[in-house]
């Protein structure tokens, strides 16, 4: 199950050279545990596109934010291309690979 279905107060914080996903992760019976996941350990910038097969996107991204859509929670930002070009605003669906497992936000691989 995707994390947004069992978490409250989902947000991000940019902390220097990395971005952290934070939430109150549900444990059941209306109990929630503060949880966080460093997104830069799982998401990169590949020539102006977010990618799950990379890391350290925060080093090149600007205007990083979350968007809550019908199909999940999206990380969005402005990412530069190789060679100083700009691809414009890009996004990646965090709900595809992040879960709440017993009160912890966990990256679930491919």
C-alpha atoms as a PDB file:
ATOM      1  CA  UNK A   1       0.000   0.000   0.000  1.00  0.00           C
ATOM      2  CA  UNK A   2       1.310   3.439  -0.881  1.00  0.00           C
ATOM      3  CA  UNK A   3       2.389   5.612   2.036  1.00  0.00           C
ATOM      4  CA  UNK A   4      -0.106   8.462   1.540  1.00  0.00           C
ATOM      5  CA  UNK A   5      -3.016   6.158   2.373  1.00  0.00           C
ATOM      6  CA  UNK A   6      -1.715   5.578   5.899  1.00  0.00           C
ATOM      7  CA  UNK A   7       0.158   8.801   6.704  1.00  0.00           C
ATOM      8  CA  UNK A   8      -0.721  12.296   7.918  1.00  0.00           C
ATOM      9  CA  UNK A   9       0.965  15.674   7.468  1.00  0.00           C
ATOM     10  CA  UNK A  10       3.042  14.625   4.435  1.00  0.00           C
ATOM     11  CA  UNK A  11       5.649  17.235   3.551  1.00  0.00           C
ATOM     12  CA  UNK A  12       9.249  17.753   2.477  1.00  0.00           C
ATOM     13  CA  UNK A  13      12.168  19.720   3.889  1.00  0.00           C
ATOM     14  CA  UNK A  14      15.257  20.704   1.948  1.00  0.00           C
ATOM     15  CA  UNK A  15      18.192  20.295   4.334  1.00  0.00           C
ATOM     16  CA  UNK A  16      21.300  21.623   2.649  1.00  0.00           C
ATOM     17  CA  UNK A  17      22.206  19.199  -0.144  1.00  0.00           C
ATOM     18  CA  UNK A  18      19.332  16.736   0.375  1.00  0.00           C
ATOM     19  CA  UNK A  19      15.550  16.636   0.537  1.00  0.00           C
ATOM     20  CA  UNK A  20      13.695  14.717   3.239  1.00  0.00           C
ATOM     21  CA  UNK A  21      10.148  13.334   3.026  1.00  0.00           C
ATOM     22  CA  UNK A  22       8.391  13.647   6.403  1.00  0.00           C
ATOM     23  CA  UNK A  23       5.066  12.300   7.631  1.00  0.00           C
ATOM     24  CA  UNK A  24       3.164  10.984  10.575  1.00  0.00           C
ATOM     25  CA  UNK A  25       3.221   7.297   9.644  1.00  0.00           C
ATOM     26  CA  UNK A  26       0.246   5.254  10.759  1.00  0.00           C
ATOM     27  CA  UNK A  27       0.737   2.291  13.061  1.00  0.00           C
ATOM     28  CA  UNK A  28      -2.946   1.335  13.248  1.00  0.00           C
ATOM     29  CA  UNK A  29      -5.600   2.157  15.840  1.00  0.00           C
ATOM     30  CA  UNK A  30      -5.178   5.896  15.172  1.00  0.00           C
ATOM     31  CA  UNK A  31      -1.523   5.841  16.290  1.00  0.00           C
ATOM     32  CA  UNK A  32       1.098   7.711  14.258  1.00  0.00           C
ATOM     33  CA  UNK A  33       4.876   7.798  14.448  1.00  0.00           C
ATOM     34  CA  UNK A  34       7.072  10.618  13.076  1.00  0.00           C
ATOM     35  CA  UNK A  35       8.870   9.209  10.036  1.00  0.00           C
ATOM     36  CA  UNK A  36      11.289  10.487   7.440  1.00  0.00           C
ATOM     37  CA  UNK A  37      13.081   9.284   4.324  1.00  0.00           C
ATOM     38  CA  UNK A  38      15.995  10.981   2.570  1.00  0.00           C
ATOM     39  CA  UNK A  39      14.788  11.184  -1.035  1.00  0.00           C
ATOM     40  CA  UNK A  40      18.256  11.903  -2.446  1.00  0.00           C
ATOM     41  CA  UNK A  41      19.324   8.357  -1.613  1.00  0.00           C
ATOM     42  CA  UNK A  42      16.794   7.067  -4.174  1.00  0.00           C
ATOM     43  CA  UNK A  43      16.114   9.838  -6.725  1.00  0.00           C
ATOM     44  CA  UNK A  44      18.462  11.548  -9.154  1.00  0.00           C
ATOM     45  CA  UNK A  45      18.475  14.023 -12.025  1.00  0.00           C
ATOM     46  CA  UNK A  46      19.078  12.391 -15.400  1.00  0.00           C
ATOM     47  CA  UNK A  47      19.508  15.145 -17.994  1.00  0.00           C
ATOM     48  CA  UNK A  48      16.620  17.208 -16.622  1.00  0.00           C
ATOM     49  CA  UNK A  49      14.314  14.350 -15.594  1.00  0.00           C
ATOM     50  CA  UNK A  50      13.752  12.858 -12.148  1.00  0.00           C
ATOM     51  CA  UNK A  51      14.832   9.212 -12.053  1.00  0.00           C
ATOM     52  CA  UNK A  52      14.566   6.421  -9.493  1.00  0.00           C
ATOM     53  CA  UNK A  53      17.869   5.067 -10.775  1.00  0.00           C
ATOM     54  CA  UNK A  54      20.035   7.808  -9.339  1.00  0.00           C
ATOM     55  CA  UNK A  55      20.724   9.961  -6.338  1.00  0.00           C
ATOM     56  CA  UNK A  56      21.460  13.514  -5.203  1.00  0.00           C
ATOM     57  CA  UNK A  57      18.800  15.357  -7.238  1.00  0.00           C
ATOM     58  CA  UNK A  58      18.704  18.214  -4.698  1.00  0.00           C
ATOM     59  CA  UNK A  59      22.191  19.356  -5.724  1.00  0.00           C
ATOM     60  CA  UNK A  60      20.853  20.498  -9.117  1.00  0.00           C
ATOM     61  CA  UNK A  61      17.107  21.028  -8.526  1.00  0.00           C
ATOM     62  CA  UNK A  62      15.332  24.300  -7.794  1.00  0.00           C
ATOM     63  CA  UNK A  63      11.834  25.084  -6.510  1.00  0.00           C
ATOM     64  CA  UNK A  64      11.369  21.616  -4.972  1.00  0.00           C
ATOM     65  CA  UNK A  65       7.820  20.933  -3.786  1.00  0.00           C
ATOM     66  CA  UNK A  66       5.132  18.269  -3.381  1.00  0.00           C
ATOM     67  CA  UNK A  67       1.966  17.944  -5.406  1.00  0.00           C
ATOM     68  CA  UNK A  68      -0.974  15.850  -4.214  1.00  0.00           C
ATOM     69  CA  UNK A  69      -2.777  14.249  -7.168  1.00  0.00           C
ATOM     70  CA  UNK A  70      -5.385  11.541  -7.620  1.00  0.00           C
ATOM     71  CA  UNK A  71      -2.669   9.045  -8.567  1.00  0.00           C
ATOM     72  CA  UNK A  72      -0.384   9.817  -5.622  1.00  0.00           C
ATOM     73  CA  UNK A  73       2.089  12.224  -4.084  1.00  0.00           C
ATOM     74  CA  UNK A  74       4.458  13.782  -6.614  1.00  0.00           C
ATOM     75  CA  UNK A  75       7.848  15.358  -6.042  1.00  0.00           C
ATOM     76  CA  UNK A  76       8.242  18.321  -8.394  1.00  0.00           C
ATOM     77  CA  UNK A  77      11.070  20.661  -9.248  1.00  0.00           C
ATOM     78  CA  UNK A  78      12.940  22.529 -11.924  1.00  0.00           C
ATOM     79  CA  UNK A  79      15.819  20.364 -13.154  1.00  0.00           C
ATOM     80  CA  UNK A  80      18.642  21.462 -15.448  1.00  0.00           C
ATOM     81  CA  UNK A  81      19.696  19.447 -18.484  1.00  0.00           C
ATOM     82  CA  UNK A  82      23.271  18.533 -19.276  1.00  0.00           C
ATOM     83  CA  UNK A  83      24.865  21.530 -21.011  1.00  0.00           C
ATOM     84  CA  UNK A  84      22.980  24.195 -19.045  1.00  0.00           C
ATOM     85  CA  UNK A  85      19.635  23.709 -20.812  1.00  0.00           C
ATOM     86  CA  UNK A  86      16.376  23.674 -18.885  1.00  0.00           C
ATOM     87  CA  UNK A  87      13.688  21.068 -19.276  1.00  0.00           C
ATOM     88  CA  UNK A  88      11.137  22.968 -17.205  1.00  0.00           C
ATOM     89  CA  UNK A  89       9.104  21.686 -14.283  1.00  0.00           C
ATOM     90  CA  UNK A  90       9.370  17.922 -13.814  1.00  0.00           C
ATOM     91  CA  UNK A  91       7.795  15.443 -11.429  1.00  0.00           C
ATOM     92  CA  UNK A  92       8.078  11.897 -10.128  1.00  0.00           C
ATOM     93  CA  UNK A  93       5.362   9.892  -8.387  1.00  0.00           C
ATOM     94  CA  UNK A  94       6.640   9.051  -4.901  1.00  0.00           C
ATOM     95  CA  UNK A  95       3.655   6.785  -4.289  1.00  0.00           C
ATOM     96  CA  UNK A  96       4.994   4.258  -6.812  1.00  0.00           C
ATOM     97  CA  UNK A  97       8.011   3.287  -4.684  1.00  0.00           C
ATOM     98  CA  UNK A  98       7.513   4.518  -1.112  1.00  0.00           C
ATOM     99  CA  UNK A  99       5.507   2.679   1.515  1.00  0.00           C
ATOM    100  CA  UNK A 100       4.688   3.008   5.196  1.00  0.00           C
ATOM    101  CA  UNK A 101       5.952  -0.182   6.808  1.00  0.00           C
ATOM    102  CA  UNK A 102       5.142  -0.327  10.514  1.00  0.00           C
ATOM    103  CA  UNK A 103       5.545   3.416  11.006  1.00  0.00           C
ATOM    104  CA  UNK A 104       8.613   3.844   8.782  1.00  0.00           C
ATOM    105  CA  UNK A 105       8.804   5.353   5.305  1.00  0.00           C
ATOM    106  CA  UNK A 106      10.568   2.807   3.117  1.00  0.00           C
ATOM    107  CA  UNK A 107      11.731   2.831  -0.505  1.00  0.00           C
ATOM    108  CA  UNK A 108      10.403  -0.239  -2.309  1.00  0.00           C
ATOM    109  CA  UNK A 109      12.548  -1.188  -5.307  1.00  0.00           C
ATOM    110  CA  UNK A 110      11.560  -2.326  -8.744  1.00  0.00           C
END
